[in-house]
Every structure is written in structure tokens, then in C-alpha cells.
Amino acid sequence: MILFWMAAAFVLTQSYRSVLLSMLIPIRYEPAIDTMAGADASGQPIYMVKGSAPLALLRMDRRPHHRNVAQRAKVFSRAAEFPEDILNE
């Protein structure tokens, strides 16, 4: 009987040290932004390089979600230059 309790304690200890603990703690993820509608709904700015084709296409698009995202776009002059908002977050 004592061996049974020792084995049960060992299994319980090992399960808490590995998988069981990670299963008991729920991880909350933010919803993924997969579409322009999702980008518009998130309210987050989009960072684009000045003079790039994606920026020009985004600004020419007449769909409402694309227009809203284009208005919030943060444009910087070079790809290697980081905007200050990214560094301060």
C-alpha cells in the first residue's frame, strides 16, 4: 500500500513539474490580425516605408477598411530607421 502512495505521489509530482502545470494556466492571446478589416478594427497604426509600392497601393485603394488603415499609416523614410513609437512601447 505504501508503494502505491509513493508511486502516486511521484506521478503527481512529475505531472505538476511538466505538462499539468502548463495546462492549468490559461494563456490569453490577442486575436490575430489577418485581414484589412481586422487591421482597421484593431486601431493600430501600420508602419510603411516612404515611396514603397505597398504604401502607394494602400493609398490608392478606395475600400473603406483600406482607406482607414492608410490614414493611420506611419511613414518613415528608410527601412533601417525605426519610428520612435516602436522604440518607446
C-alpha atoms as a PDB file:
ATOM      1  CA  MET A   1       0.000   0.000   0.000  1.00  0.00           C
ATOM      2  CA  ILE A   2       2.810   2.395   0.800  1.00  0.00           C
ATOM      3  CA  LEU A   3       4.392   1.700  -2.594  1.00  0.00           C
ATOM      4  CA  PHE A   4       1.105   2.683  -4.263  1.00  0.00           C
ATOM      5  CA  TRP A   5       1.066   6.036  -2.451  1.00  0.00           C
ATOM      6  CA  MET A   6       4.732   6.641  -3.254  1.00  0.00           C
ATOM      7  CA  ALA A   7       4.100   5.903  -6.925  1.00  0.00           C
ATOM      8  CA  ALA A   8       1.017   8.153  -6.941  1.00  0.00           C
ATOM      9  CA  ALA A   9       2.981  10.969  -5.293  1.00  0.00           C
ATOM     10  CA  PHE A  10       5.792  10.542  -7.830  1.00  0.00           C
ATOM     11  CA  VAL A  11       3.374  10.678 -10.785  1.00  0.00           C
ATOM     12  CA  LEU A  12       1.587  13.698  -9.358  1.00  0.00           C
ATOM     13  CA  THR A  13       4.874  15.494  -8.689  1.00  0.00           C
ATOM     14  CA  GLN A  14       6.191  14.788 -12.174  1.00  0.00           C
ATOM     15  CA  SER A  15       2.949  15.879 -13.797  1.00  0.00           C
ATOM     16  CA  TYR A  16       2.974  19.184 -11.931  1.00  0.00           C
ATOM     17  CA  ARG A  17       6.595  19.775 -12.888  1.00  0.00           C
ATOM     18  CA  SER A  18       5.937  19.301 -16.573  1.00  0.00           C
ATOM     19  CA  VAL A  19       2.702  19.330 -18.551  1.00  0.00           C
ATOM     20  CA  LEU A  20      -0.036  19.536 -15.967  1.00  0.00           C
ATOM     21  CA  LEU A  21       1.014  22.936 -14.663  1.00  0.00           C
ATOM     22  CA  SER A  22       1.067  24.426 -18.152  1.00  0.00           C
ATOM     23  CA  MET A  23      -2.391  23.008 -18.806  1.00  0.00           C
ATOM     24  CA  LEU A  24      -3.788  24.576 -15.630  1.00  0.00           C
ATOM     25  CA  ILE A  25      -2.671  28.102 -16.568  1.00  0.00           C
ATOM     26  CA  PRO A  26      -4.752  29.546 -19.414  1.00  0.00           C
ATOM     27  CA  ILE A  27      -2.812  31.720 -21.834  1.00  0.00           C
ATOM     28  CA  ARG A  28      -4.776  34.561 -23.362  1.00  0.00           C
ATOM     29  CA  TYR A  29      -3.723  35.563 -26.827  1.00  0.00           C
ATOM     30  CA  GLU A  30      -4.788  38.672 -28.681  1.00  0.00           C
ATOM     31  CA  PRO A  31      -6.889  37.952 -31.736  1.00  0.00           C
ATOM     32  CA  ALA A  32      -4.812  37.689 -34.900  1.00  0.00           C
ATOM     33  CA  ILE A  33      -4.955  40.459 -37.490  1.00  0.00           C
ATOM     34  CA  ASP A  34      -5.318  38.559 -40.756  1.00  0.00           C
ATOM     35  CA  THR A  35      -7.325  40.941 -42.913  1.00  0.00           C
ATOM     36  CA  MET A  36      -7.557  44.654 -43.614  1.00  0.00           C
ATOM     37  CA  ALA A  37     -10.897  44.664 -41.787  1.00  0.00           C
ATOM     38  CA  GLY A  38      -9.079  43.271 -38.749  1.00  0.00           C
ATOM     39  CA  ALA A  39      -6.326  45.871 -39.105  1.00  0.00           C
ATOM     40  CA  ASP A  40      -8.954  48.596 -39.291  1.00  0.00           C
ATOM     41  CA  ALA A  41     -10.831  47.246 -36.259  1.00  0.00           C
ATOM     42  CA  SER A  42      -7.643  46.991 -34.173  1.00  0.00           C
ATOM     43  CA  GLY A  43      -6.941  50.712 -34.413  1.00  0.00           C
ATOM     44  CA  GLN A  44      -3.199  50.026 -34.557  1.00  0.00           C
ATOM     45  CA  PRO A  45      -1.080  52.040 -36.994  1.00  0.00           C
ATOM     46  CA  ILE A  46       0.715  50.330 -39.835  1.00  0.00           C
ATOM     47  CA  TYR A  47       4.374  51.211 -40.393  1.00  0.00           C
ATOM     48  CA  MET A  48       5.437  51.640 -44.024  1.00  0.00           C
ATOM     49  CA  VAL A  49       8.487  52.841 -45.912  1.00  0.00           C
ATOM     50  CA  LYS A  50       8.080  56.100 -47.829  1.00  0.00           C
ATOM     51  CA  GLY A  51       7.837  55.582 -51.590  1.00  0.00           C
ATOM     52  CA  SER A  52       7.183  51.831 -51.341  1.00  0.00           C
ATOM     53  CA  ALA A  53       4.732  50.048 -53.621  1.00  0.00           C
ATOM     54  CA  PRO A  54       2.565  48.706 -50.730  1.00  0.00           C
ATOM     55  CA  LEU A  55       2.114  52.258 -49.420  1.00  0.00           C
ATOM     56  CA  ALA A  56       1.119  53.556 -52.863  1.00  0.00           C
ATOM     57  CA  LEU A  57      -1.327  50.685 -53.375  1.00  0.00           C
ATOM     58  CA  LEU A  58      -2.829  51.184 -49.926  1.00  0.00           C
ATOM     59  CA  ARG A  59      -3.366  54.894 -50.545  1.00  0.00           C
ATOM     60  CA  MET A  60      -4.947  54.305 -53.979  1.00  0.00           C
ATOM     61  CA  ASP A  61      -7.394  51.678 -52.732  1.00  0.00           C
ATOM     62  CA  ARG A  62     -10.946  53.001 -52.309  1.00  0.00           C
ATOM     63  CA  ARG A  63     -12.317  50.341 -49.986  1.00  0.00           C
ATOM     64  CA  PRO A  64     -13.268  51.772 -46.583  1.00  0.00           C
ATOM     65  CA  HIS A  65     -11.066  49.493 -44.453  1.00  0.00           C
ATOM     66  CA  HIS A  66      -8.052  50.187 -46.635  1.00  0.00           C
ATOM     67  CA  ARG A  67      -8.721  53.927 -46.547  1.00  0.00           C
ATOM     68  CA  ASN A  68      -8.944  53.952 -42.740  1.00  0.00           C
ATOM     69  CA  VAL A  69      -5.721  51.966 -42.373  1.00  0.00           C
ATOM     70  CA  ALA A  70      -3.970  54.259 -44.875  1.00  0.00           C
ATOM     71  CA  GLN A  71      -4.966  57.305 -42.819  1.00  0.00           C
ATOM     72  CA  ARG A  72      -3.352  55.778 -39.715  1.00  0.00           C
ATOM     73  CA  ALA A  73      -0.189  54.708 -41.580  1.00  0.00           C
ATOM     74  CA  LYS A  74       3.067  55.877 -40.039  1.00  0.00           C
ATOM     75  CA  VAL A  75       5.550  56.522 -42.826  1.00  0.00           C
ATOM     76  CA  PHE A  76       9.303  56.669 -42.340  1.00  0.00           C
ATOM     77  CA  SER A  77      11.988  57.428 -44.863  1.00  0.00           C
ATOM     78  CA  ARG A  78      14.228  54.357 -44.714  1.00  0.00           C
ATOM     79  CA  ALA A  79      13.673  50.710 -43.815  1.00  0.00           C
ATOM     80  CA  ALA A  80      16.566  50.767 -41.336  1.00  0.00           C
ATOM     81  CA  GLU A  81      15.134  53.779 -39.472  1.00  0.00           C
ATOM     82  CA  PHE A  82      12.808  52.835 -36.605  1.00  0.00           C
ATOM     83  CA  PRO A  83       9.943  55.145 -35.684  1.00  0.00           C
ATOM     84  CA  GLU A  84      10.018  56.449 -32.116  1.00  0.00           C
ATOM     85  CA  ASP A  85       6.662  54.820 -31.175  1.00  0.00           C
ATOM     86  CA  ILE A  86       8.089  51.333 -31.706  1.00  0.00           C
ATOM     87  CA  LEU A  87      11.105  52.065 -29.528  1.00  0.00           C
ATOM     88  CA  ASN A  88       9.029  53.575 -26.715  1.00  0.00           C
ATOM     89  CA  GLU A  89       6.453  50.775 -26.449  1.00  0.00           C
END
